[in-house]
Amino acid sequence: MQFLVMTRRYSDRYSEEEFAAVLPEETAVVRKLYADGVLRQIWLRGDGPGACFLLEAGSPEEAQAAVDTLPLARKGMSEFRVVPLRPYGGFGPR
């Protein structure tokens, strides 16, 4: 199953310096998830601080467990919304 994860930094609660201190570890975990085939694609949001990424997982619980390994999630510094995705039927046979 694939999941869209949308994140939003809690910029009202944490300073840029606090985020900067966590980002090297966050990047390392993101790279590991990518190397493991869990994280498929990632983008930075254009409408504010945060990211969007696609996860591959066997269940919503597995997807949430992967998100929970991220330092910004563990430290409560960002909101993470995990959305299960379904195939689009419009390209299939009629």
N, C-alpha and C. Protein backbone atom coordinates (compact mmCIF):
# COMPACT_ATOMS: atom_id res chain seq x y z
N MET A 1 0.85 -1.18 0.00
CA MET A 1 0.00 0.00 0.00
C MET A 1 0.89 1.24 0.00
N GLN A 2 0.35 2.29 -0.60
CA GLN A 2 1.07 3.56 -0.58
C GLN A 2 0.31 4.56 0.28
N PHE A 3 1.10 5.45 0.89
CA PHE A 3 0.56 6.46 1.79
C PHE A 3 1.20 7.80 1.46
N LEU A 4 0.37 8.83 1.42
CA LEU A 4 0.86 10.20 1.29
C LEU A 4 0.99 10.76 2.70
N VAL A 5 2.17 11.29 3.00
CA VAL A 5 2.39 11.90 4.31
C VAL A 5 2.64 13.38 4.09
N MET A 6 1.82 14.19 4.72
CA MET A 6 1.99 15.65 4.65
C MET A 6 2.43 16.12 6.03
N THR A 7 3.52 16.89 6.04
CA THR A 7 4.03 17.39 7.30
C THR A 7 3.94 18.91 7.34
N ARG A 8 3.85 19.42 8.54
CA ARG A 8 3.87 20.86 8.76
C ARG A 8 4.65 21.12 10.03
N ARG A 9 5.67 21.95 9.90
CA ARG A 9 6.47 22.28 11.08
C ARG A 9 5.68 23.14 12.05
N TYR A 10 5.90 22.93 13.31
CA TYR A 10 5.31 23.79 14.34
C TYR A 10 6.23 24.99 14.55
N SER A 11 6.24 25.88 13.56
CA SER A 11 7.11 27.06 13.59
C SER A 11 6.72 28.05 14.68
N ASP A 12 5.50 27.95 15.16
CA ASP A 12 5.06 28.84 16.23
C ASP A 12 5.55 28.37 17.60
N ARG A 13 6.02 27.12 17.68
CA ARG A 13 6.47 26.56 18.95
C ARG A 13 7.99 26.40 19.04
N TYR A 14 8.64 26.30 17.87
CA TYR A 14 10.08 26.04 17.83
C TYR A 14 10.77 27.04 16.92
N SER A 15 11.98 27.40 17.28
CA SER A 15 12.74 28.38 16.49
C SER A 15 13.43 27.69 15.32
N GLU A 16 13.88 28.50 14.37
CA GLU A 16 14.64 27.97 13.23
C GLU A 16 15.92 27.30 13.70
N GLU A 17 16.50 27.81 14.77
CA GLU A 17 17.72 27.21 15.32
C GLU A 17 17.43 25.81 15.87
N GLU A 18 16.26 25.64 16.51
CA GLU A 18 15.90 24.32 17.03
C GLU A 18 15.67 23.33 15.89
N PHE A 19 15.02 23.79 14.81
CA PHE A 19 14.83 22.91 13.65
C PHE A 19 16.18 22.57 13.02
N ALA A 20 17.05 23.57 12.87
CA ALA A 20 18.35 23.36 12.25
C ALA A 20 19.16 22.31 13.01
N ALA A 21 19.01 22.26 14.32
CA ALA A 21 19.76 21.30 15.12
C ALA A 21 19.29 19.86 14.87
N VAL A 22 18.03 19.68 14.47
CA VAL A 22 17.46 18.34 14.27
C VAL A 22 17.58 17.87 12.82
N LEU A 23 17.68 18.80 11.89
CA LEU A 23 17.62 18.44 10.46
C LEU A 23 18.70 17.47 9.99
N PRO A 24 19.94 17.52 10.47
CA PRO A 24 20.90 16.51 10.01
C PRO A 24 20.47 15.07 10.35
N GLU A 25 19.95 14.88 11.56
CA GLU A 25 19.46 13.54 11.93
C GLU A 25 18.21 13.18 11.13
N GLU A 26 17.34 14.14 10.91
CA GLU A 26 16.13 13.92 10.11
C GLU A 26 16.51 13.47 8.70
N THR A 27 17.47 14.16 8.11
CA THR A 27 17.93 13.81 6.76
C THR A 27 18.51 12.40 6.73
N ALA A 28 19.25 12.02 7.74
CA ALA A 28 19.84 10.68 7.80
C ALA A 28 18.75 9.60 7.86
N VAL A 29 17.70 9.84 8.64
CA VAL A 29 16.61 8.86 8.74
C VAL A 29 15.84 8.80 7.43
N VAL A 30 15.60 9.95 6.80
CA VAL A 30 14.92 9.97 5.50
C VAL A 30 15.73 9.17 4.48
N ARG A 31 17.03 9.36 4.45
CA ARG A 31 17.88 8.60 3.51
C ARG A 31 17.80 7.10 3.78
N LYS A 32 17.77 6.70 5.05
CA LYS A 32 17.66 5.28 5.39
C LYS A 32 16.33 4.72 4.94
N LEU A 33 15.25 5.44 5.20
CA LEU A 33 13.93 4.99 4.75
C LEU A 33 13.89 4.86 3.23
N TYR A 34 14.55 5.77 2.52
CA TYR A 34 14.61 5.71 1.05
C TYR A 34 15.42 4.49 0.61
N ALA A 35 16.57 4.29 1.21
CA ALA A 35 17.43 3.15 0.86
C ALA A 35 16.73 1.82 1.15
N ASP A 36 15.88 1.79 2.18
CA ASP A 36 15.15 0.58 2.53
C ASP A 36 13.91 0.36 1.67
N GLY A 37 13.59 1.31 0.77
CA GLY A 37 12.42 1.18 -0.10
C GLY A 37 11.11 1.54 0.56
N VAL A 38 11.17 2.15 1.72
CA VAL A 38 9.96 2.56 2.44
C VAL A 38 9.49 3.92 1.96
N LEU A 39 10.39 4.87 1.92
CA LEU A 39 10.09 6.21 1.42
C LEU A 39 10.40 6.21 -0.07
N ARG A 40 9.40 6.53 -0.90
CA ARG A 40 9.57 6.44 -2.35
C ARG A 40 9.94 7.77 -3.00
N GLN A 41 9.30 8.84 -2.56
CA GLN A 41 9.54 10.18 -3.12
C GLN A 41 9.30 11.18 -2.01
N ILE A 42 9.97 12.34 -2.12
CA ILE A 42 9.77 13.38 -1.11
C ILE A 42 9.90 14.74 -1.77
N TRP A 43 9.10 15.68 -1.31
CA TRP A 43 9.11 17.06 -1.79
C TRP A 43 9.02 17.99 -0.60
N LEU A 44 9.60 19.17 -0.72
CA LEU A 44 9.36 20.23 0.25
C LEU A 44 8.09 20.95 -0.15
N ARG A 45 7.31 21.36 0.82
CA ARG A 45 6.07 22.07 0.53
C ARG A 45 6.36 23.48 0.05
N GLY A 46 5.58 23.94 -0.92
CA GLY A 46 5.73 25.29 -1.43
C GLY A 46 4.83 26.29 -0.73
N ASP A 47 3.92 25.80 0.11
CA ASP A 47 2.96 26.69 0.77
C ASP A 47 3.32 26.96 2.23
N GLY A 48 4.47 26.49 2.68
CA GLY A 48 4.89 26.71 4.05
C GLY A 48 5.94 25.69 4.45
N PRO A 49 6.44 25.78 5.67
CA PRO A 49 7.49 24.87 6.10
C PRO A 49 6.95 23.46 6.35
N GLY A 50 7.54 22.52 5.69
CA GLY A 50 7.15 21.13 5.82
C GLY A 50 7.49 20.36 4.57
N ALA A 51 7.05 19.12 4.51
CA ALA A 51 7.34 18.25 3.37
C ALA A 51 6.14 17.36 3.08
N CYS A 52 6.16 16.75 1.91
CA CYS A 52 5.20 15.72 1.53
C CYS A 52 6.02 14.54 1.01
N PHE A 53 5.62 13.34 1.37
CA PHE A 53 6.34 12.19 0.83
C PHE A 53 5.42 10.99 0.69
N LEU A 54 5.84 10.07 -0.20
CA LEU A 54 5.14 8.82 -0.42
C LEU A 54 5.85 7.71 0.32
N LEU A 55 5.07 6.94 1.06
CA LEU A 55 5.59 5.78 1.77
C LEU A 55 5.00 4.51 1.19
N GLU A 56 5.75 3.46 1.22
CA GLU A 56 5.29 2.12 0.86
C GLU A 56 5.27 1.32 2.15
N ALA A 57 4.10 0.78 2.52
CA ALA A 57 3.97 0.00 3.75
C ALA A 57 2.85 -1.01 3.60
N GLY A 58 2.89 -2.05 4.40
CA GLY A 58 1.89 -3.11 4.33
C GLY A 58 0.57 -2.76 4.99
N SER A 59 0.58 -1.75 5.85
CA SER A 59 -0.63 -1.38 6.59
C SER A 59 -0.49 0.06 7.08
N PRO A 60 -1.60 0.66 7.49
CA PRO A 60 -1.52 2.00 8.09
C PRO A 60 -0.62 2.02 9.33
N GLU A 61 -0.63 0.94 10.09
CA GLU A 61 0.21 0.88 11.29
C GLU A 61 1.69 0.87 10.94
N GLU A 62 2.06 0.14 9.87
CA GLU A 62 3.45 0.12 9.42
C GLU A 62 3.86 1.50 8.91
N ALA A 63 2.96 2.17 8.20
CA ALA A 63 3.26 3.53 7.72
C ALA A 63 3.49 4.47 8.89
N GLN A 64 2.63 4.39 9.89
CA GLN A 64 2.78 5.26 11.07
C GLN A 64 4.07 4.93 11.82
N ALA A 65 4.42 3.65 11.89
CA ALA A 65 5.66 3.27 12.56
C ALA A 65 6.87 3.87 11.85
N ALA A 66 6.84 3.89 10.51
CA ALA A 66 7.94 4.51 9.76
C ALA A 66 8.01 6.00 10.04
N VAL A 67 6.86 6.67 10.05
CA VAL A 67 6.83 8.11 10.35
C VAL A 67 7.37 8.36 11.76
N ASP A 68 7.03 7.49 12.69
CA ASP A 68 7.44 7.68 14.08
C ASP A 68 8.95 7.56 14.28
N THR A 69 9.68 7.04 13.29
CA THR A 69 11.14 6.98 13.39
C THR A 69 11.79 8.33 13.08
N LEU A 70 11.05 9.24 12.48
CA LEU A 70 11.62 10.54 12.11
C LEU A 70 11.82 11.41 13.35
N PRO A 71 12.99 12.03 13.48
CA PRO A 71 13.25 12.86 14.65
C PRO A 71 12.23 13.99 14.87
N LEU A 72 11.76 14.62 13.80
CA LEU A 72 10.78 15.70 13.97
C LEU A 72 9.46 15.16 14.51
N ALA A 73 9.16 13.90 14.22
CA ALA A 73 7.97 13.27 14.80
C ALA A 73 8.22 12.88 16.25
N ARG A 74 9.37 12.25 16.50
CA ARG A 74 9.70 11.81 17.86
C ARG A 74 9.74 12.97 18.84
N LYS A 75 10.23 14.11 18.39
CA LYS A 75 10.36 15.29 19.26
C LYS A 75 9.10 16.16 19.27
N GLY A 76 8.09 15.78 18.47
CA GLY A 76 6.85 16.56 18.44
C GLY A 76 7.00 17.92 17.81
N MET A 77 7.95 18.07 16.90
CA MET A 77 8.23 19.38 16.30
C MET A 77 7.45 19.64 15.01
N SER A 78 6.78 18.61 14.49
CA SER A 78 6.01 18.75 13.26
C SER A 78 4.75 17.91 13.36
N GLU A 79 3.75 18.32 12.61
CA GLU A 79 2.53 17.54 12.44
C GLU A 79 2.75 16.60 11.26
N PHE A 80 2.30 15.35 11.36
CA PHE A 80 2.42 14.37 10.29
C PHE A 80 1.03 13.80 10.02
N ARG A 81 0.54 14.02 8.82
CA ARG A 81 -0.77 13.48 8.42
C ARG A 81 -0.53 12.35 7.44
N VAL A 82 -0.93 11.12 7.79
CA VAL A 82 -0.71 9.94 6.97
C VAL A 82 -2.03 9.58 6.29
N VAL A 83 -2.03 9.62 4.95
CA VAL A 83 -3.25 9.39 4.17
C VAL A 83 -3.06 8.15 3.30
N PRO A 84 -3.89 7.10 3.49
CA PRO A 84 -3.78 5.94 2.61
C PRO A 84 -4.25 6.30 1.20
N LEU A 85 -3.59 5.75 0.21
CA LEU A 85 -3.93 6.02 -1.19
C LEU A 85 -4.54 4.76 -1.83
N ARG A 86 -5.49 4.98 -2.74
CA ARG A 86 -6.10 3.89 -3.50
C ARG A 86 -5.82 4.13 -4.97
N PRO A 87 -5.82 3.06 -5.76
CA PRO A 87 -5.61 3.23 -7.20
C PRO A 87 -6.73 4.06 -7.83
N TYR A 88 -6.38 4.85 -8.80
CA TYR A 88 -7.35 5.63 -9.57
C TYR A 88 -7.96 4.71 -10.63
N GLY A 89 -9.27 4.58 -10.64
CA GLY A 89 -9.93 3.67 -11.57
C GLY A 89 -10.20 4.22 -12.94
N GLY A 90 -9.96 5.50 -13.15
CA GLY A 90 -10.30 6.13 -14.41
C GLY A 90 -9.49 5.66 -15.60
N PHE A 91 -8.35 5.01 -15.40
CA PHE A 91 -7.53 4.55 -16.51
C PHE A 91 -7.77 3.09 -16.84
N GLY A 92 -8.60 2.41 -16.07
CA GLY A 92 -8.85 0.98 -16.29
C GLY A 92 -9.91 0.77 -17.37
N PRO A 93 -10.20 -0.51 -17.65
CA PRO A 93 -11.24 -0.81 -18.65
C PRO A 93 -12.61 -0.32 -18.19
N ARG A 94 -13.44 -0.01 -19.16
CA ARG A 94 -14.80 0.46 -18.86
C ARG A 94 -15.79 -0.65 -19.00
